[in-house]
Amino acid sequence: MKVMTWIIGVFVSMAVSAQTTVTISEPSEKVTISKHIYGHFAEHLGRCIYDGIYVGENSAIPNTDGVRNDIISALKQLDIPNLRWPGGCFADTYHWKDGVGPKKDRPTMVNRWWGGVTEDNSFGTHDFLNLCEQLGAEPYLAANVGSSTVQEFTEYIQYVTHPGKSPMSDWRRENGRDKPWEVSFWGVGNEMWGCGGNMTPEHYADVYRQYATFMTDWSNTDGFFRVASGANVDDYHWTEVMMRDIPKSLIEGVALHSYSFVEWNEKGSAADFDEAQYFSTMQTALKMEELVTKHSAIMDKYDPQNKVALVVDEWGGWYEVEEGTNPGFLYQQNTMRDAMIAGATLNIFNNHAKRVKMANLAQTVNVLQAVILTEGEKMILTPTYHVLKMYKVHQDAILLPVKFESPTYKFNGETLPAVSISASKKESGAVHISLVNIDAQKEHIINLSMEEFGAKKLTGTILTSNNLQDHNTFEAPEKVKIKAFSKMKIKKGQVEISLPPFSVVVLQTE
């Protein structure tokens, strides 16, 4: 096994300290960082769909079949691999037949989970799946189990995917779509421990087995990727039951949900926060490393062949809503703190790519840690958007294992690892290294040896700002944006890299 050693000397505030050796090795086992780790999530929640993604065919805002053209363009630049819809909690109250057929004939429904608003079902299955085709993204349908039936579920699958003649595929054709859509990813319910039905894991495992059995044939010749509703944060018993009680022939993925916050009952402002609140948020964000490690260990016990994926299909920052907005709409600003969450979390997923094969940031537009915010005809890209754009170079690349000891970020007697790193190699041979410094105060200097890679050139991009609270607004949409990274000194094959406080850097060898 070839070992590439990168010597990284870590200094704090330009004062020399003990060196840390980072080794990046050619992997003994080839692990691909699945592009699906970079998935997104669009729930019928607040202004994510209506007045966000979808403005209607008669809107003055430029659109294609009611979907904003500027949002389509922005999401295409992220190369988003999959998009999860329609929930979330909404999924287990949604009846898909209400959202197909002539829009004037569709019944309304009350979205009781999120604000109690009445929806007209004008954005339904055709709209969503056609959007995915425009984006080049694979649909991830979270189907109703909590308030539905096996028949409704299987008819949905038939409507969407069946190429031949059947009652549901004939109805699809009547509604204007001859060819079926390609839909592999199916969530069998959502948060069944909570809004999906407050079930015990043992009960849900039996319900899941029933639904999964009727989704396809004996050997899943449809190639469906069936995802079981998974654990809430550190409920390891839930994962144990899913892996123990569900036959491997009936399951391809187990979900996990975990959010980052200050305190669950006192989430604080999204943009007006102090360092103590920032530190607490990063504590919950970095706990993802422990969660993924421990859930993966349980999965390893029951699935040593690594056939079942860990699917973190809800993650991101969660704060109080912006003042004057509907509390049920979960609309929040997006600052450099969110960029830190995104960069550090994606590094964790990359480094656990053997088991983590899919993830979905919550959410796409105007909700929680959104990549896009809208106000009327205006649209802004958030710091989180820019991190996702920088990190897309890792999609479907080969994971390069990284070993190092991080310097510490210290606050009020507590510590966190300040630096996280992940690395990957493209088929072209180009190596990408993503580095995050979450330290709110201190710069960290990194010395990197390029010789083992035979690299002639090292380029990079950076996302940082003057203050942790900095964010883009409709009046100043480019306050936080990606810039070329120049804080590198190259001498005799050695590179000294300065990582500013709360910064994300992605490097590329050439």
Protein backbone atom coordinates (compact mmCIF):
# COMPACT_ATOMS: atom_id res chain seq x y z
CA MET A 1 0.00 0.00 0.00
CA LYS A 2 1.40 3.35 -1.04
CA VAL A 3 1.34 5.90 1.76
CA MET A 4 1.36 9.61 1.01
CA THR A 5 2.50 11.58 4.01
CA TRP A 6 1.56 15.20 4.36
CA ILE A 7 3.43 16.94 7.14
CA ILE A 8 1.16 19.53 8.65
CA GLY A 9 2.63 21.80 11.27
CA VAL A 10 -0.09 23.43 13.31
CA PHE A 11 0.55 26.87 14.75
CA VAL A 12 -1.83 29.03 16.75
CA SER A 13 -1.87 32.82 16.36
CA MET A 14 1.42 32.47 14.45
CA ALA A 15 3.16 31.01 17.52
CA VAL A 16 4.98 27.75 16.82
CA SER A 17 3.66 24.63 18.57
CA ALA A 18 4.28 20.90 18.24
CA GLN A 19 3.88 19.55 14.74
CA THR A 20 1.03 17.32 13.78
CA THR A 21 1.61 14.69 11.11
CA VAL A 22 -1.20 14.08 8.71
CA THR A 23 -1.10 10.94 6.60
CA ILE A 24 -3.25 10.59 3.53
CA SER A 25 -3.04 7.05 2.25
CA GLU A 26 -3.98 5.26 -0.90
CA PRO A 27 -6.87 3.21 0.46
CA SER A 28 -6.42 -0.48 1.14
CA GLU A 29 -10.12 -0.80 0.28
CA LYS A 30 -11.65 1.28 -2.49
CA VAL A 31 -14.48 3.36 -1.02
CA THR A 32 -16.43 5.79 -3.18
CA ILE A 33 -17.85 8.96 -1.66
CA SER A 34 -21.35 8.53 -3.06
CA LYS A 35 -22.69 11.61 -4.76
CA HIS A 36 -25.93 10.94 -2.89
CA ILE A 37 -24.31 12.16 0.33
CA TYR A 38 -24.89 15.60 -1.20
CA GLY A 39 -28.68 15.25 -1.42
CA HIS A 40 -31.30 17.87 -0.52
CA PHE A 41 -34.73 17.92 1.06
CA ALA A 42 -37.84 19.87 0.04
CA GLU A 43 -40.82 19.46 2.35
CA HIS A 44 -44.26 21.02 2.16
CA LEU A 45 -43.27 23.25 5.03
CA GLY A 46 -43.61 27.01 5.22
CA ARG A 47 -42.30 28.69 2.07
CA CYS A 48 -40.15 25.85 0.77
CA ILE A 49 -42.55 24.70 -1.96
CA TYR A 50 -45.24 27.38 -2.25
CA ASP A 51 -43.80 30.89 -2.60
CA GLY A 52 -40.36 29.29 -2.77
CA ILE A 53 -39.67 26.66 -5.40
CA TYR A 54 -43.17 26.93 -6.88
CA VAL A 55 -44.77 30.26 -7.72
CA GLY A 56 -47.37 29.02 -10.21
CA GLU A 57 -47.59 29.15 -13.98
CA ASN A 58 -49.22 32.61 -13.95
CA SER A 59 -46.55 34.26 -11.81
CA ALA A 60 -44.68 37.31 -13.11
CA ILE A 61 -41.51 35.67 -11.78
CA PRO A 62 -39.86 33.79 -14.68
CA ASN A 63 -40.73 30.11 -14.31
CA THR A 64 -41.03 26.78 -16.03
CA ASP A 65 -44.35 25.10 -15.28
CA GLY A 66 -44.60 27.21 -12.16
CA VAL A 67 -41.08 26.46 -10.84
CA ARG A 68 -38.76 29.47 -10.55
CA ASN A 69 -36.11 29.52 -13.26
CA ASP A 70 -33.53 31.18 -11.02
CA ILE A 71 -33.89 28.39 -8.46
CA ILE A 72 -33.56 25.73 -11.15
CA SER A 73 -30.38 27.42 -12.41
CA ALA A 74 -28.89 27.76 -8.92
CA LEU A 75 -29.59 24.16 -7.96
CA LYS A 76 -28.12 22.88 -11.22
CA GLN A 77 -24.83 24.52 -10.26
CA LEU A 78 -24.72 22.34 -7.14
CA ASP A 79 -25.05 19.11 -9.16
CA ILE A 80 -27.59 17.96 -6.61
CA PRO A 81 -27.79 14.17 -6.90
CA ASN A 82 -31.17 13.58 -5.26
CA LEU A 83 -34.08 15.53 -3.82
CA ARG A 84 -36.32 14.23 -1.02
CA TRP A 85 -40.05 15.11 -1.09
CA PRO A 86 -42.80 15.75 0.19
CA GLY A 87 -41.62 15.39 3.82
CA GLY A 88 -40.75 15.12 6.65
CA CYS A 89 -43.76 14.95 8.91
CA PHE A 90 -45.89 16.14 6.00
CA ALA A 91 -45.23 12.85 4.15
CA ASP A 92 -47.30 10.75 6.53
CA THR A 93 -50.37 12.95 6.07
CA TYR A 94 -50.01 13.35 2.30
CA HIS A 95 -52.25 11.37 -0.04
CA TRP A 96 -50.65 11.40 -3.45
CA LYS A 97 -53.87 11.05 -5.47
CA ASP A 98 -54.94 14.52 -4.26
CA GLY A 99 -51.96 16.00 -6.12
CA VAL A 100 -52.48 14.58 -9.62
CA GLY A 101 -54.99 15.32 -12.37
CA PRO A 102 -56.36 18.72 -13.41
CA LYS A 103 -55.27 21.29 -10.86
CA LYS A 104 -58.67 22.95 -10.76
CA ASP A 105 -60.20 19.67 -9.58
CA ARG A 106 -57.73 18.90 -6.82
CA PRO A 107 -59.01 19.00 -3.24
CA THR A 108 -57.44 21.28 -0.67
CA MET A 109 -55.80 20.02 2.51
CA VAL A 110 -54.78 21.52 5.84
CA ASN A 111 -51.08 21.25 6.63
CA ARG A 112 -51.55 20.64 10.34
CA TRP A 113 -47.88 20.04 11.05
CA TRP A 114 -46.59 23.33 9.69
CA GLY A 115 -48.61 26.43 10.40
CA GLY A 116 -52.11 25.06 9.87
CA VAL A 117 -52.26 26.56 6.38
CA THR A 118 -54.57 25.29 3.66
CA GLU A 119 -52.79 23.97 0.56
CA ASP A 120 -54.44 23.56 -2.84
CA ASN A 121 -52.30 20.59 -3.98
CA SER A 122 -51.25 22.51 -7.09
CA PHE A 123 -47.69 21.19 -6.66
CA GLY A 124 -47.95 17.41 -6.84
CA THR A 125 -46.17 14.31 -8.07
CA HIS A 126 -45.88 15.35 -11.75
CA ASP A 127 -44.53 18.77 -10.75
CA PHE A 128 -41.94 17.30 -8.41
CA LEU A 129 -40.73 14.52 -10.68
CA ASN A 130 -40.54 16.85 -13.67
CA LEU A 131 -38.49 19.26 -11.54
CA CYS A 132 -36.07 16.44 -10.71
CA GLU A 133 -35.68 15.72 -14.41
CA GLN A 134 -34.84 19.38 -15.06
CA LEU A 135 -32.25 19.30 -12.29
CA GLY A 136 -30.76 15.97 -13.31
CA ALA A 137 -31.46 14.80 -9.75
CA GLU A 138 -32.88 11.47 -8.67
CA PRO A 139 -36.21 11.72 -6.83
CA TYR A 140 -36.38 10.41 -3.27
CA LEU A 141 -40.06 9.93 -2.47
CA ALA A 142 -40.92 9.76 1.23
CA ALA A 143 -44.17 7.83 1.05
CA ASN A 144 -47.07 7.84 3.48
CA VAL A 145 -47.14 4.95 5.96
CA GLY A 146 -48.53 6.65 9.06
CA SER A 147 -51.99 7.48 7.67
CA SER A 148 -52.05 5.45 4.46
CA THR A 149 -52.49 1.83 3.38
CA VAL A 150 -50.38 -0.73 1.61
CA GLN A 151 -52.71 -0.44 -1.37
CA GLU A 152 -52.30 3.34 -1.63
CA PHE A 153 -48.53 2.94 -1.38
CA THR A 154 -48.28 0.25 -4.07
CA GLU A 155 -50.63 2.14 -6.37
CA TYR A 156 -48.32 5.12 -6.04
CA ILE A 157 -45.37 3.01 -7.12
CA GLN A 158 -47.36 1.66 -10.05
CA TYR A 159 -48.48 5.17 -11.08
CA VAL A 160 -44.94 6.51 -11.04
CA THR A 161 -42.86 3.61 -12.36
CA HIS A 162 -44.92 1.05 -14.29
CA PRO A 163 -44.17 1.10 -18.05
CA GLY A 164 -46.97 -1.21 -19.17
CA LYS A 165 -50.73 -1.21 -18.98
CA SER A 166 -52.34 -1.03 -15.55
CA PRO A 167 -55.03 1.06 -13.88
CA MET A 168 -52.52 3.44 -12.35
CA SER A 169 -50.20 3.77 -15.36
CA ASP A 170 -53.22 4.36 -17.57
CA TRP A 171 -54.28 7.15 -15.21
CA ARG A 172 -50.78 8.62 -15.42
CA ARG A 173 -51.10 8.72 -19.20
CA GLU A 174 -54.50 10.39 -18.93
CA ASN A 175 -52.78 13.03 -16.79
CA GLY A 176 -50.24 13.77 -19.52
CA ARG A 177 -47.25 11.52 -18.80
CA ASP A 178 -46.77 8.52 -21.07
CA LYS A 179 -43.31 7.34 -20.04
CA PRO A 180 -42.81 6.39 -16.38
CA TRP A 181 -40.32 8.28 -14.26
CA GLU A 182 -37.18 6.65 -12.97
CA VAL A 183 -37.61 6.51 -9.21
CA SER A 184 -35.36 4.20 -7.22
CA PHE A 185 -35.33 5.85 -3.78
CA TRP A 186 -38.38 5.27 -1.58
CA GLY A 187 -38.69 6.22 2.07
CA VAL A 188 -41.09 3.88 3.83
CA GLY A 189 -42.56 6.48 6.15
CA ASN A 190 -40.79 9.20 8.13
CA GLU A 191 -39.92 9.53 11.82
CA MET A 192 -42.18 6.66 12.79
CA TRP A 193 -41.02 7.15 16.39
CA GLY A 194 -42.75 10.57 16.35
CA CYS A 195 -44.93 12.34 13.80
CA GLY A 196 -45.11 9.21 11.66
CA GLY A 197 -47.21 7.40 14.25
CA ASN A 198 -45.39 7.33 17.62
CA MET A 199 -44.55 3.68 17.05
CA THR A 200 -42.15 1.45 18.92
CA PRO A 201 -39.29 0.16 16.78
CA GLU A 202 -40.57 -3.39 17.12
CA HIS A 203 -44.01 -2.42 15.81
CA TYR A 204 -42.60 -0.33 12.98
CA ALA A 205 -40.26 -3.14 11.91
CA ASP A 206 -43.32 -5.32 11.31
CA VAL A 207 -45.15 -2.51 9.50
CA TYR A 208 -42.08 -1.87 7.37
CA ARG A 209 -41.79 -5.55 6.44
CA GLN A 210 -45.40 -5.54 5.28
CA TYR A 211 -45.03 -2.43 3.10
CA ALA A 212 -41.64 -3.43 1.68
CA THR A 213 -42.95 -6.86 0.73
CA PHE A 214 -45.61 -5.41 -1.58
CA MET A 215 -43.41 -2.73 -3.13
CA THR A 216 -41.76 -5.05 -5.65
CA ASP A 217 -41.35 -8.74 -6.51
CA TRP A 218 -39.47 -11.58 -4.79
CA SER A 219 -36.02 -10.39 -5.77
CA ASN A 220 -36.61 -6.64 -6.17
CA THR A 221 -36.07 -6.71 -9.92
CA ASP A 222 -37.34 -3.11 -9.92
CA GLY A 223 -34.10 -2.15 -8.22
CA PHE A 224 -35.81 -0.07 -5.55
CA PHE A 225 -33.72 1.43 -2.77
CA ARG A 226 -36.04 1.10 0.23
CA VAL A 227 -35.20 3.25 3.24
CA ALA A 228 -36.59 2.39 6.66
CA SER A 229 -37.47 5.26 8.97
CA GLY A 230 -34.50 5.42 11.30
CA ALA A 231 -33.35 6.64 14.66
CA ASN A 232 -33.82 10.00 16.30
CA VAL A 233 -30.25 11.08 17.10
CA ASP A 234 -28.74 8.57 19.56
CA ASP A 235 -31.60 6.06 19.78
CA TYR A 236 -29.28 3.12 19.10
CA HIS A 237 -31.96 0.62 20.10
CA TRP A 238 -34.02 1.73 17.10
CA THR A 239 -31.18 0.94 14.70
CA GLU A 240 -30.60 -2.37 16.47
CA VAL A 241 -34.21 -3.42 15.92
CA MET A 242 -34.25 -2.33 12.26
CA MET A 243 -31.11 -4.32 11.51
CA ARG A 244 -32.11 -7.32 13.62
CA ASP A 245 -35.77 -7.71 12.64
CA ILE A 246 -35.92 -6.72 8.98
CA PRO A 247 -34.61 -9.29 6.46
CA LYS A 248 -31.78 -7.90 4.36
CA SER A 249 -33.72 -8.84 1.23
CA LEU A 250 -36.31 -6.20 2.14
CA ILE A 251 -34.14 -3.20 2.97
CA GLU A 252 -31.45 -1.11 1.33
CA GLY A 253 -31.11 1.77 3.80
CA VAL A 254 -31.77 2.84 7.39
CA ALA A 255 -32.32 6.53 8.09
CA LEU A 256 -30.91 8.77 10.82
CA HIS A 257 -32.05 12.30 11.77
CA SER A 258 -29.96 14.76 13.75
CA TYR A 259 -30.00 18.57 13.89
CA SER A 260 -27.54 21.14 15.24
CA PHE A 261 -28.75 23.71 17.76
CA VAL A 262 -27.85 25.74 20.86
CA GLU A 263 -30.42 24.19 23.19
CA TRP A 264 -33.47 22.37 21.84
CA ASN A 265 -35.92 24.44 23.91
CA GLU A 266 -33.93 27.68 23.59
CA LYS A 267 -32.61 27.64 20.05
CA GLY A 268 -31.70 31.33 19.88
CA SER A 269 -31.48 33.62 16.89
CA ALA A 270 -30.15 32.42 13.56
CA ALA A 271 -28.11 35.59 13.01
CA ASP A 272 -27.83 37.38 16.37
CA PHE A 273 -25.82 34.97 18.53
CA ASP A 274 -22.71 35.07 20.69
CA GLU A 275 -19.70 32.77 20.84
CA ALA A 276 -21.20 30.68 23.65
CA GLN A 277 -24.20 29.90 21.46
CA TYR A 278 -21.91 29.22 18.51
CA PHE A 279 -19.79 26.83 20.57
CA SER A 280 -22.88 24.94 21.77
CA THR A 281 -24.16 24.65 18.21
CA MET A 282 -20.86 23.21 17.03
CA GLN A 283 -20.89 20.72 19.91
CA THR A 284 -24.15 19.26 18.61
CA ALA A 285 -22.93 19.44 15.00
CA LEU A 286 -19.71 17.57 15.72
CA LYS A 287 -21.64 14.92 17.63
CA MET A 288 -22.48 13.60 14.18
CA GLU A 289 -19.11 11.83 14.25
CA GLU A 290 -20.15 9.84 17.33
CA LEU A 291 -23.63 9.16 15.97
CA VAL A 292 -22.42 7.85 12.63
CA THR A 293 -19.71 5.75 14.29
CA LYS A 294 -22.03 4.09 16.80
CA HIS A 295 -24.96 3.52 14.42
CA SER A 296 -22.50 2.10 11.87
CA ALA A 297 -21.08 -0.28 14.47
CA ILE A 298 -24.56 -1.70 15.07
CA MET A 299 -25.10 -2.06 11.35
CA ASP A 300 -21.72 -3.77 10.98
CA LYS A 301 -22.79 -6.39 13.50
CA TYR A 302 -25.86 -7.40 11.49
CA ASP A 303 -24.56 -6.53 8.03
CA PRO A 304 -20.84 -7.26 7.79
CA GLN A 305 -21.13 -7.30 3.99
CA ASN A 306 -22.08 -3.60 4.11
CA LYS A 307 -25.17 -4.02 1.94
CA VAL A 308 -27.45 -1.67 3.92
CA ALA A 309 -26.68 2.06 3.79
CA LEU A 310 -26.86 4.54 6.62
CA VAL A 311 -28.99 7.37 5.20
CA VAL A 312 -28.79 10.65 7.13
CA ASP A 313 -31.78 12.11 5.34
CA GLU A 314 -32.31 15.06 7.70
CA TRP A 315 -29.44 17.16 9.04
CA GLY A 316 -28.65 20.85 9.47
CA GLY A 317 -28.93 23.81 11.83
CA TRP A 318 -32.17 24.67 13.64
CA TYR A 319 -32.80 28.05 15.34
CA GLU A 320 -35.74 30.30 16.19
CA VAL A 321 -37.65 31.71 13.23
CA GLU A 322 -37.00 35.22 11.99
CA GLU A 323 -38.95 37.89 13.86
CA GLY A 324 -42.40 38.49 12.41
CA THR A 325 -42.61 35.22 10.50
CA ASN A 326 -44.97 32.30 11.08
CA PRO A 327 -43.48 30.05 13.83
CA GLY A 328 -44.65 27.00 11.87
CA PHE A 329 -42.73 28.02 8.75
CA LEU A 330 -39.21 27.55 10.22
CA TYR A 331 -37.77 30.42 8.19
CA GLN A 332 -34.30 31.38 9.43
CA GLN A 333 -31.25 33.28 8.22
CA ASN A 334 -28.03 31.48 7.27
CA THR A 335 -24.65 32.70 8.50
CA MET A 336 -21.01 31.64 8.63
CA ARG A 337 -22.03 29.43 11.57
CA ASP A 338 -24.10 27.39 9.11
CA ALA A 339 -21.14 27.19 6.75
CA MET A 340 -19.17 25.64 9.62
CA ILE A 341 -21.95 23.10 10.25
CA ALA A 342 -22.08 22.20 6.57
CA GLY A 343 -18.34 21.86 6.03
CA ALA A 344 -17.66 19.88 9.20
CA THR A 345 -20.67 17.59 8.71
CA LEU A 346 -19.83 16.82 5.09
CA ASN A 347 -16.25 15.99 6.12
CA ILE A 348 -17.71 13.48 8.60
CA PHE A 349 -19.94 11.93 5.95
CA ASN A 350 -17.06 11.74 3.47
CA ASN A 351 -14.82 9.99 5.96
CA HIS A 352 -17.59 7.47 6.76
CA ALA A 353 -18.51 6.91 3.12
CA LYS A 354 -18.22 3.14 3.46
CA ARG A 355 -21.48 3.07 5.42
CA VAL A 356 -22.97 6.56 4.86
CA LYS A 357 -24.13 6.41 1.27
CA MET A 358 -26.83 9.05 1.26
CA ALA A 359 -27.74 12.23 3.16
CA ASN A 360 -30.14 15.13 2.77
CA LEU A 361 -29.61 18.67 4.01
CA ALA A 362 -32.73 20.20 5.55
CA GLN A 363 -33.95 22.12 3.62
CA THR A 364 -33.60 23.46 0.10
CA VAL A 365 -35.43 26.81 0.09
CA ASN A 366 -36.65 29.14 2.89
CA VAL A 367 -36.68 26.48 5.63
CA LEU A 368 -34.07 25.67 8.31
CA GLN A 369 -30.52 25.52 6.88
CA ALA A 370 -31.60 26.48 3.39
CA VAL A 371 -29.24 26.91 0.46
CA ILE A 372 -31.59 29.48 -1.11
CA LEU A 373 -33.79 32.23 0.36
CA THR A 374 -36.44 34.13 -1.58
CA GLU A 375 -38.45 37.32 -1.11
CA GLY A 376 -40.84 38.04 -3.94
CA GLU A 377 -38.83 38.10 -7.15
CA LYS A 378 -35.54 38.31 -5.22
CA MET A 379 -33.34 35.31 -4.48
CA ILE A 380 -30.12 34.94 -2.50
CA LEU A 381 -27.61 32.14 -2.12
CA THR A 382 -26.59 31.38 1.46
CA PRO A 383 -23.18 30.51 2.92
CA THR A 384 -24.39 26.91 3.07
CA TYR A 385 -25.04 27.00 -0.67
CA HIS A 386 -21.46 28.05 -1.27
CA VAL A 387 -20.07 25.21 0.86
CA LEU A 388 -22.12 22.68 -1.10
CA LYS A 389 -20.81 24.18 -4.33
CA MET A 390 -17.21 23.95 -3.13
CA TYR A 391 -17.62 20.36 -1.92
CA LYS A 392 -19.29 18.96 -5.04
CA VAL A 393 -15.80 17.94 -6.24
CA HIS A 394 -16.01 15.01 -3.80
CA GLN A 395 -19.06 13.49 -5.46
CA ASP A 396 -18.33 9.92 -6.63
CA ALA A 397 -14.61 10.36 -5.98
CA ILE A 398 -12.46 7.78 -4.18
CA LEU A 399 -12.06 8.46 -0.45
CA LEU A 400 -8.50 9.04 0.67
CA PRO A 401 -8.15 8.15 4.36
CA VAL A 402 -6.85 11.02 6.48
CA LYS A 403 -5.17 10.64 9.86
CA PHE A 404 -4.21 13.56 12.09
CA GLU A 405 -4.76 15.10 15.49
CA SER A 406 -6.61 18.37 15.32
CA PRO A 407 -5.61 21.44 17.28
CA THR A 408 -8.26 22.45 19.78
CA TYR A 409 -10.83 25.21 19.82
CA LYS A 410 -11.11 26.32 23.46
CA PHE A 411 -13.99 28.22 25.02
CA ASN A 412 -14.93 28.64 28.69
CA GLY A 413 -12.87 25.64 29.76
CA GLU A 414 -14.29 23.33 27.08
CA THR A 415 -12.64 22.15 23.90
CA LEU A 416 -13.59 20.96 20.45
CA PRO A 417 -11.42 19.82 17.55
CA ALA A 418 -10.78 23.00 15.58
CA VAL A 419 -9.91 21.48 12.21
CA SER A 420 -11.61 18.79 10.16
CA ILE A 421 -10.33 17.39 6.88
CA SER A 422 -11.52 15.02 4.19
CA ALA A 423 -9.82 14.14 0.91
CA SER A 424 -10.70 12.38 -2.30
CA LYS A 425 -9.25 11.48 -5.67
CA LYS A 426 -10.98 11.79 -9.02
CA GLU A 427 -10.51 9.39 -11.93
CA SER A 428 -8.46 12.13 -13.58
CA GLY A 429 -5.98 11.87 -10.71
CA ALA A 430 -6.84 15.26 -9.25
CA VAL A 431 -6.90 15.26 -5.46
CA HIS A 432 -9.28 17.49 -3.50
CA ILE A 433 -8.81 18.33 0.16
CA SER A 434 -11.53 20.10 2.16
CA LEU A 435 -10.47 21.78 5.38
CA VAL A 436 -12.64 23.49 7.97
CA ASN A 437 -11.43 25.62 10.86
CA ILE A 438 -14.34 26.15 13.27
CA ASP A 439 -12.24 28.13 15.75
CA ALA A 440 -14.01 31.45 16.28
CA GLN A 441 -10.82 33.30 17.25
CA LYS A 442 -7.64 31.66 16.04
CA GLU A 443 -5.98 31.10 12.73
CA HIS A 444 -4.25 27.76 12.21
CA ILE A 445 -1.22 27.46 9.98
CA ILE A 446 -0.76 24.22 8.06
CA ASN A 447 2.43 23.02 6.37
CA LEU A 448 1.71 20.63 3.54
CA SER A 449 4.12 18.51 1.51
CA MET A 450 3.15 18.14 -2.16
CA GLU A 451 5.97 15.80 -3.19
CA GLU A 452 4.23 12.45 -2.74
CA PHE A 453 1.51 13.46 -5.17
CA GLY A 454 3.92 14.77 -7.75
CA ALA A 455 1.69 17.82 -7.92
CA LYS A 456 3.01 20.74 -9.87
CA LYS A 457 0.36 23.16 -8.74
CA LEU A 458 -2.03 23.66 -5.83
CA THR A 459 -5.06 25.90 -6.16
CA GLY A 460 -7.93 26.55 -3.82
CA THR A 461 -11.10 28.39 -2.88
CA ILE A 462 -12.19 29.77 0.47
CA LEU A 463 -15.38 30.81 2.20
CA THR A 464 -14.92 33.11 5.17
CA SER A 465 -15.98 36.54 6.41
CA ASN A 466 -15.21 39.16 9.03
CA ASN A 467 -17.78 37.96 11.56
CA LEU A 468 -19.41 34.64 12.41
CA GLN A 469 -22.78 36.35 12.17
CA ASP A 470 -22.20 37.56 8.61
CA HIS A 471 -24.83 36.50 6.10
CA ASN A 472 -26.26 37.45 2.75
CA THR A 473 -29.35 39.63 2.56
CA PHE A 474 -31.63 40.76 -0.25
CA GLU A 475 -29.96 44.17 0.02
CA ALA A 476 -26.41 42.72 0.14
CA PRO A 477 -26.62 39.33 -1.60
CA GLU A 478 -22.86 38.81 -1.97
CA LYS A 479 -21.52 39.73 1.43
CA VAL A 480 -20.44 36.10 1.90
CA LYS A 481 -19.20 34.40 -1.25
CA ILE A 482 -16.54 32.02 -2.53
CA LYS A 483 -13.18 33.58 -3.26
CA ALA A 484 -9.87 32.35 -4.61
CA PHE A 485 -7.62 31.11 -1.81
CA SER A 486 -4.21 32.74 -1.83
CA LYS A 487 -2.87 32.37 1.71
CA MET A 488 -0.36 29.75 0.64
CA LYS A 489 3.44 29.98 0.58
CA ILE A 490 5.15 27.37 -1.56
CA LYS A 491 8.85 26.59 -1.13
CA LYS A 492 10.74 23.45 -2.19
CA GLY A 493 7.65 21.27 -2.36
CA GLN A 494 6.31 22.49 0.97
CA VAL A 495 3.16 24.59 1.25
CA GLU A 496 2.30 26.74 4.24
CA ILE A 497 -1.45 27.25 4.41
CA SER A 498 -3.14 29.79 6.67
CA LEU A 499 -6.65 28.77 7.72
CA PRO A 500 -8.46 31.87 9.02
CA PRO A 501 -10.94 31.58 11.89
CA PHE A 502 -14.31 30.07 10.89
CA SER A 503 -13.30 29.27 7.33
CA VAL A 504 -13.86 26.55 4.75
CA VAL A 505 -11.11 25.84 2.23
CA VAL A 506 -11.04 23.36 -0.65
CA LEU A 507 -7.72 22.65 -2.34
CA GLN A 508 -7.02 20.93 -5.65
CA THR A 509 -3.79 19.41 -6.92
CA GLU A 510 -2.88 19.67 -10.56
